[in-house]
């Protein structure tokens, strides 16, 4: 009896995780597709949250430091 209860609870938890993952994908599908088409990287940052990054930012260089003028 105990194992049946644990097994049933495990199935319920698994199903809830699947539904949350599905909802997360559905919420962000359009934005993710937009980012992927442009070659951006997409990383999950929680439920319904993403970080989108254009890898071209890694190619930017900081220009030389301009000395301050003293008056």
PDB file of N, CA and C in Angstrom:
ATOM      1  N   UNK A   1       0.820  -1.191   0.000  1.00  0.00           N
ATOM      2  CA  UNK A   1       0.000   0.000   0.000  1.00  0.00           C
ATOM      3  C   UNK A   1       0.866   1.259   0.000  1.00  0.00           C
ATOM      4  N   UNK A   2       1.905   1.264   0.794  1.00  0.00           N
ATOM      5  CA  UNK A   2       2.765   2.443   0.876  1.00  0.00           C
ATOM      6  C   UNK A   2       3.435   2.734  -0.462  1.00  0.00           C
ATOM      7  N   UNK A   3       3.927   1.677  -1.137  1.00  0.00           N
ATOM      8  CA  UNK A   3       4.612   1.897  -2.408  1.00  0.00           C
ATOM      9  C   UNK A   3       3.654   2.420  -3.478  1.00  0.00           C
ATOM     10  N   UNK A   4       2.399   1.986  -3.442  1.00  0.00           N
ATOM     11  CA  UNK A   4       1.421   2.490  -4.409  1.00  0.00           C
ATOM     12  C   UNK A   4       1.197   3.985  -4.224  1.00  0.00           C
ATOM     13  N   UNK A   5       1.111   4.416  -2.976  1.00  0.00           N
ATOM     14  CA  UNK A   5       0.926   5.842  -2.703  1.00  0.00           C
ATOM     15  C   UNK A   5       2.117   6.654  -3.176  1.00  0.00           C
ATOM     16  N   UNK A   6       3.312   6.149  -2.930  1.00  0.00           N
ATOM     17  CA  UNK A   6       4.527   6.843  -3.363  1.00  0.00           C
ATOM     18  C   UNK A   6       4.613   6.873  -4.883  1.00  0.00           C
ATOM     19  N   UNK A   7       4.251   5.744  -5.500  1.00  0.00           N
ATOM     20  CA  UNK A   7       4.300   5.654  -6.956  1.00  0.00           C
ATOM     21  C   UNK A   7       3.307   6.632  -7.583  1.00  0.00           C
ATOM     22  N   UNK A   8       2.114   6.693  -7.021  1.00  0.00           N
ATOM     23  CA  UNK A   8       1.091   7.617  -7.525  1.00  0.00           C
ATOM     24  C   UNK A   8       1.515   9.066  -7.349  1.00  0.00           C
ATOM     25  N   UNK A   9       2.097   9.375  -6.194  1.00  0.00           N
ATOM     26  CA  UNK A   9       2.576  10.730  -5.934  1.00  0.00           C
ATOM     27  C   UNK A   9       3.695  11.097  -6.903  1.00  0.00           C
ATOM     28  N   UNK A  10       4.554  10.143  -7.165  1.00  0.00           N
ATOM     29  CA  UNK A  10       5.660  10.371  -8.104  1.00  0.00           C
ATOM     30  C   UNK A  10       5.123  10.683  -9.507  1.00  0.00           C
ATOM     31  N   UNK A  11       4.103   9.946  -9.915  1.00  0.00           N
ATOM     32  CA  UNK A  11       3.491  10.200 -11.231  1.00  0.00           C
ATOM     33  C   UNK A  11       2.842  11.575 -11.290  1.00  0.00           C
ATOM     34  N   UNK A  12       2.190  11.971 -10.210  1.00  0.00           N
ATOM     35  CA  UNK A  12       1.551  13.292 -10.165  1.00  0.00           C
ATOM     36  C   UNK A  12       2.613  14.388 -10.263  1.00  0.00           C
ATOM     37  N   UNK A  13       3.696  14.240  -9.493  1.00  0.00           N
ATOM     38  CA  UNK A  13       4.782  15.227  -9.545  1.00  0.00           C
ATOM     39  C   UNK A  13       5.381  15.305 -10.942  1.00  0.00           C
ATOM     40  N   UNK A  14       5.578  14.151 -11.548  1.00  0.00           N
ATOM     41  CA  UNK A  14       6.137  14.105 -12.898  1.00  0.00           C
ATOM     42  C   UNK A  14       5.225  14.816 -13.894  1.00  0.00           C
ATOM     43  N   UNK A  15       3.938  14.568 -13.783  1.00  0.00           N
ATOM     44  CA  UNK A  15       2.965  15.200 -14.687  1.00  0.00           C
ATOM     45  C   UNK A  15       2.935  16.713 -14.488  1.00  0.00           C
ATOM     46  N   UNK A  16       3.008  17.158 -13.237  1.00  0.00           N
ATOM     47  CA  UNK A  16       3.023  18.603 -12.951  1.00  0.00           C
ATOM     48  C   UNK A  16       4.265  19.240 -13.550  1.00  0.00           C
ATOM     49  N   UNK A  17       5.437  18.572 -13.405  1.00  0.00           N
ATOM     50  CA  UNK A  17       6.672  19.096 -14.001  1.00  0.00           C
ATOM     51  C   UNK A  17       6.551  19.209 -15.523  1.00  0.00           C
ATOM     52  N   UNK A  18       5.948  18.198 -16.141  1.00  0.00           N
ATOM     53  CA  UNK A  18       5.742  18.227 -17.594  1.00  0.00           C
ATOM     54  C   UNK A  18       4.844  19.391 -17.997  1.00  0.00           C
ATOM     55  N   UNK A  19       3.765  19.614 -17.253  1.00  0.00           N
ATOM     56  CA  UNK A  19       2.857  20.714 -17.567  1.00  0.00           C
ATOM     57  C   UNK A  19       3.525  22.069 -17.392  1.00  0.00           C
ATOM     58  N   UNK A  20       4.353  22.202 -16.362  1.00  0.00           N
ATOM     59  CA  UNK A  20       5.067  23.463 -16.147  1.00  0.00           C
ATOM     60  C   UNK A  20       6.057  23.703 -17.281  1.00  0.00           C
ATOM     61  N   UNK A  21       6.786  22.661 -17.681  1.00  0.00           N
ATOM     62  CA  UNK A  21       7.746  22.796 -18.787  1.00  0.00           C
ATOM     63  C   UNK A  21       7.016  23.162 -20.077  1.00  0.00           C
ATOM     64  N   UNK A  22       5.873  22.529 -20.331  1.00  0.00           N
ATOM     65  CA  UNK A  22       5.091  22.832 -21.527  1.00  0.00           C
ATOM     66  C   UNK A  22       4.624  24.290 -21.509  1.00  0.00           C
ATOM     67  N   UNK A  23       4.090  24.731 -20.361  1.00  0.00           N
ATOM     68  CA  UNK A  23       3.609  26.112 -20.244  1.00  0.00           C
ATOM     69  C   UNK A  23       4.750  27.096 -20.442  1.00  0.00           C
ATOM     70  N   UNK A  24       5.914  26.787 -19.905  1.00  0.00           N
ATOM     71  CA  UNK A  24       7.085  27.647 -20.055  1.00  0.00           C
ATOM     72  C   UNK A  24       7.464  27.776 -21.536  1.00  0.00           C
ATOM     73  N   UNK A  25       7.497  26.655 -22.244  1.00  0.00           N
ATOM     74  CA  UNK A  25       7.827  26.683 -23.688  1.00  0.00           C
ATOM     75  C   UNK A  25       6.787  27.480 -24.468  1.00  0.00           C
ATOM     76  N   UNK A  26       5.514  27.266 -24.147  1.00  0.00           N
ATOM     77  CA  UNK A  26       4.451  27.973 -24.860  1.00  0.00           C
ATOM     78  C   UNK A  26       4.503  29.481 -24.615  1.00  0.00           C
ATOM     79  N   UNK A  27       4.786  29.880 -23.391  1.00  0.00           N
ATOM     80  CA  UNK A  27       4.842  31.311 -23.063  1.00  0.00           C
ATOM     81  C   UNK A  27       5.950  32.033 -23.833  1.00  0.00           C
ATOM     82  N   UNK A  28       7.058  31.347 -24.038  1.00  0.00           N
ATOM     83  CA  UNK A  28       8.230  32.005 -24.623  1.00  0.00           C
ATOM     84  C   UNK A  28       8.527  31.574 -26.058  1.00  0.00           C
ATOM     85  N   UNK A  29       7.662  30.779 -26.660  1.00  0.00           N
ATOM     86  CA  UNK A  29       7.943  30.207 -27.975  1.00  0.00           C
ATOM     87  C   UNK A  29       8.195  31.277 -29.041  1.00  0.00           C
ATOM     88  N   UNK A  30       7.349  32.284 -29.090  1.00  0.00           N
ATOM     89  CA  UNK A  30       7.483  33.313 -30.120  1.00  0.00           C
ATOM     90  C   UNK A  30       8.783  34.109 -29.963  1.00  0.00           C
ATOM     91  N   UNK A  31       9.091  34.496 -28.736  1.00  0.00           N
ATOM     92  CA  UNK A  31      10.312  35.260 -28.486  1.00  0.00           C
ATOM     93  C   UNK A  31      11.553  34.414 -28.733  1.00  0.00           C
ATOM     94  N   UNK A  32      11.494  33.132 -28.335  1.00  0.00           N
ATOM     95  CA  UNK A  32      12.628  32.238 -28.564  1.00  0.00           C
ATOM     96  C   UNK A  32      12.877  32.060 -30.059  1.00  0.00           C
ATOM     97  N   UNK A  33      11.829  31.871 -30.822  1.00  0.00           N
ATOM     98  CA  UNK A  33      11.963  31.704 -32.274  1.00  0.00           C
ATOM     99  C   UNK A  33      12.570  32.957 -32.902  1.00  0.00           C
ATOM    100  N   UNK A  34      12.118  34.120 -32.477  1.00  0.00           N
ATOM    101  CA  UNK A  34      12.666  35.392 -32.953  1.00  0.00           C
ATOM    102  C   UNK A  34      14.171  35.446 -32.691  1.00  0.00           C
ATOM    103  N   UNK A  35      14.574  35.072 -31.484  1.00  0.00           N
ATOM    104  CA  UNK A  35      15.988  35.118 -31.108  1.00  0.00           C
ATOM    105  C   UNK A  35      16.802  34.090 -31.888  1.00  0.00           C
ATOM    106  N   UNK A  36      16.299  32.879 -32.013  1.00  0.00           N
ATOM    107  CA  UNK A  36      17.036  31.834 -32.728  1.00  0.00           C
ATOM    108  C   UNK A  36      17.245  32.201 -34.195  1.00  0.00           C
ATOM    109  N   UNK A  37      16.241  32.810 -34.818  1.00  0.00           N
ATOM    110  CA  UNK A  37      16.384  33.207 -36.232  1.00  0.00           C
ATOM    111  C   UNK A  37      17.474  34.237 -36.420  1.00  0.00           C
ATOM    112  N   UNK A  38      17.739  35.025 -35.417  1.00  0.00           N
ATOM    113  CA  UNK A  38      18.777  36.053 -35.505  1.00  0.00           C
ATOM    114  C   UNK A  38      20.123  35.584 -34.982  1.00  0.00           C
ATOM    115  N   UNK A  39      20.191  34.337 -34.561  1.00  0.00           N
ATOM    116  CA  UNK A  39      21.448  33.768 -34.100  1.00  0.00           C
ATOM    117  C   UNK A  39      21.805  34.111 -32.662  1.00  0.00           C
ATOM    118  N   UNK A  40      20.832  34.560 -31.905  1.00  0.00           N
ATOM    119  CA  UNK A  40      21.083  34.911 -30.512  1.00  0.00           C
ATOM    120  C   UNK A  40      21.103  33.650 -29.659  1.00  0.00           C
ATOM    121  N   UNK A  41      21.731  33.749 -28.505  1.00  0.00           N
ATOM    122  CA  UNK A  41      21.679  32.646 -27.556  1.00  0.00           C
ATOM    123  C   UNK A  41      20.518  32.893 -26.592  1.00  0.00           C
ATOM    124  N   UNK A  42      19.883  31.813 -26.195  1.00  0.00           N
ATOM    125  CA  UNK A  42      18.741  31.897 -25.291  1.00  0.00           C
ATOM    126  C   UNK A  42      19.035  31.014 -24.090  1.00  0.00           C
ATOM    127  N   UNK A  43      18.941  31.575 -22.902  1.00  0.00           N
ATOM    128  CA  UNK A  43      19.113  30.766 -21.696  1.00  0.00           C
ATOM    129  C   UNK A  43      17.925  31.006 -20.769  1.00  0.00           C
ATOM    130  N   UNK A  44      17.462  29.919 -20.181  1.00  0.00           N
ATOM    131  CA  UNK A  44      16.325  30.016 -19.260  1.00  0.00           C
ATOM    132  C   UNK A  44      16.786  30.651 -17.965  1.00  0.00           C
ATOM    133  N   UNK A  45      15.932  31.505 -17.423  1.00  0.00           N
ATOM    134  CA  UNK A  45      16.249  32.184 -16.164  1.00  0.00           C
ATOM    135  C   UNK A  45      15.122  31.992 -15.155  1.00  0.00           C
ATOM    136  N   UNK A  46      14.369  30.917 -15.302  1.00  0.00           N
ATOM    137  CA  UNK A  46      13.243  30.666 -14.417  1.00  0.00           C
ATOM    138  C   UNK A  46      11.981  30.477 -15.237  1.00  0.00           C
ATOM    139  N   UNK A  47      10.862  30.280 -14.565  1.00  0.00           N
ATOM    140  CA  UNK A  47       9.612  30.041 -15.274  1.00  0.00           C
ATOM    141  C   UNK A  47       9.193  31.284 -16.037  1.00  0.00           C
ATOM    142  N   UNK A  48       9.089  31.156 -17.351  1.00  0.00           N
ATOM    143  CA  UNK A  48       8.644  32.263 -18.191  1.00  0.00           C
ATOM    144  C   UNK A  48       9.679  33.360 -18.342  1.00  0.00           C
ATOM    145  N   UNK A  49      10.892  33.112 -17.921  1.00  0.00           N
ATOM    146  CA  UNK A  49      11.944  34.132 -18.009  1.00  0.00           C
ATOM    147  C   UNK A  49      13.090  33.600 -18.860  1.00  0.00           C
ATOM    148  N   UNK A  50      13.597  34.450 -19.715  1.00  0.00           N
ATOM    149  CA  UNK A  50      14.711  34.089 -20.588  1.00  0.00           C
ATOM    150  C   UNK A  50      15.717  35.228 -20.612  1.00  0.00           C
ATOM    151  N   UNK A  51      16.942  34.864 -20.957  1.00  0.00           N
ATOM    152  CA  UNK A  51      17.980  35.861 -21.236  1.00  0.00           C
ATOM    153  C   UNK A  51      18.361  35.677 -22.693  1.00  0.00           C
ATOM    154  N   UNK A  52      18.236  36.738 -23.443  1.00  0.00           N
ATOM    155  CA  UNK A  52      18.581  36.714 -24.861  1.00  0.00           C
ATOM    156  C   UNK A  52      19.860  37.513 -25.054  1.00  0.00           C
ATOM    157  N   UNK A  53      20.807  36.932 -25.804  1.00  0.00           N
ATOM    158  CA  UNK A  53      22.079  37.606 -25.992  1.00  0.00           C
ATOM    159  C   UNK A  53      22.522  37.458 -27.436  1.00  0.00           C
ATOM    160  N   UNK A  54      22.909  38.579 -28.004  1.00  0.00           N
ATOM    161  CA  UNK A  54      23.472  38.593 -29.346  1.00  0.00           C
ATOM    162  C   UNK A  54      24.971  38.359 -29.205  1.00  0.00           C
ATOM    163  N   UNK A  55      25.512  37.277 -29.769  1.00  0.00           N
ATOM    164  CA  UNK A  55      26.933  36.973 -29.597  1.00  0.00           C
ATOM    165  C   UNK A  55      27.862  38.040 -30.183  1.00  0.00           C
ATOM    166  N   UNK A  56      27.328  38.912 -31.012  1.00  0.00           N
ATOM    167  CA  UNK A  56      28.183  39.975 -31.565  1.00  0.00           C
ATOM    168  C   UNK A  56      28.667  40.920 -30.472  1.00  0.00           C
ATOM    169  N   UNK A  57      27.962  40.969 -29.335  1.00  0.00           N
ATOM    170  CA  UNK A  57      28.421  41.807 -28.232  1.00  0.00           C
ATOM    171  C   UNK A  57      29.786  41.355 -27.723  1.00  0.00           C
ATOM    172  N   UNK A  58      30.094  40.071 -27.872  1.00  0.00           N
ATOM    173  CA  UNK A  58      31.391  39.553 -27.431  1.00  0.00           C
ATOM    174  C   UNK A  58      32.530  40.073 -28.306  1.00  0.00           C
ATOM    175  N   UNK A  59      32.218  40.551 -29.496  1.00  0.00           N
ATOM    176  CA  UNK A  59      33.244  41.039 -30.411  1.00  0.00           C
ATOM    177  C   UNK A  59      33.563  42.518 -30.203  1.00  0.00           C
ATOM    178  N   UNK A  60      32.753  43.202 -29.418  1.00  0.00           N
ATOM    179  CA  UNK A  60      32.993  44.619 -29.167  1.00  0.00           C
ATOM    180  C   UNK A  60      34.228  44.805 -28.306  1.00  0.00           C
ATOM    181  N   UNK A  61      34.963  45.851 -28.602  1.00  0.00           N
ATOM    182  CA  UNK A  61      36.158  46.154 -27.820  1.00  0.00           C
ATOM    183  C   UNK A  61      35.986  47.526 -27.188  1.00  0.00           C
ATOM    184  N   UNK A  62      36.564  47.671 -26.029  1.00  0.00           N
ATOM    185  CA  UNK A  62      36.519  48.957 -25.349  1.00  0.00           C
ATOM    186  C   UNK A  62      37.585  49.848 -25.985  1.00  0.00           C
ATOM    187  N   UNK A  63      37.175  51.057 -26.338  1.00  0.00           N
ATOM    188  CA  UNK A  63      38.090  51.997 -26.969  1.00  0.00           C
ATOM    189  C   UNK A  63      39.142  52.506 -25.990  1.00  0.00           C
ATOM    190  N   UNK A  64      40.150  53.202 -26.518  1.00  0.00           N
ATOM    191  CA  UNK A  64      41.186  53.725 -25.631  1.00  0.00           C
ATOM    192  C   UNK A  64      40.615  54.754 -24.665  1.00  0.00           C
ATOM    193  N   UNK A  65      41.211  54.806 -23.505  1.00  0.00           N
ATOM    194  CA  UNK A  65      40.750  55.735 -22.486  1.00  0.00           C
ATOM    195  C   UNK A  65      41.177  57.163 -22.858  1.00  0.00           C
ATOM    196  N   UNK A  66      40.236  58.077 -22.771  1.00  0.00           N
ATOM    197  CA  UNK A  66      40.507  59.462 -23.120  1.00  0.00           C
ATOM    198  C   UNK A  66      40.892  60.195 -21.827  1.00  0.00           C
ATOM    199  N   UNK A  67      42.081  60.839 -21.832  1.00  0.00           N
ATOM    200  CA  UNK A  67      42.477  61.552 -20.610  1.00  0.00           C
ATOM    201  C   UNK A  67      41.573  62.741 -20.367  1.00  0.00           C
ATOM    202  N   UNK A  68      41.329  63.023 -19.097  1.00  0.00           N
ATOM    203  CA  UNK A  68      40.494  64.172 -18.740  1.00  0.00           C
ATOM    204  C   UNK A  68      41.309  65.438 -18.848  1.00  0.00           C
ATOM    205  N   UNK A  69      40.654  66.489 -19.299  1.00  0.00           N
ATOM    206  CA  UNK A  69      41.337  67.786 -19.376  1.00  0.00           C
ATOM    207  C   UNK A  69      41.226  68.480 -18.022  1.00  0.00           C
ATOM    208  N   UNK A  70      42.305  69.095 -17.626  1.00  0.00           N
ATOM    209  CA  UNK A  70      42.316  69.847 -16.370  1.00  0.00           C
ATOM    210  C   UNK A  70      42.333  71.313 -16.717  1.00  0.00           C
ATOM    211  N   UNK A  71      41.398  72.064 -16.164  1.00  0.00           N
ATOM    212  CA  UNK A  71      41.374  73.488 -16.481  1.00  0.00           C
ATOM    213  C   UNK A  71      41.984  74.301 -15.386  1.00  0.00           C
TER     214      UNK A  71
END
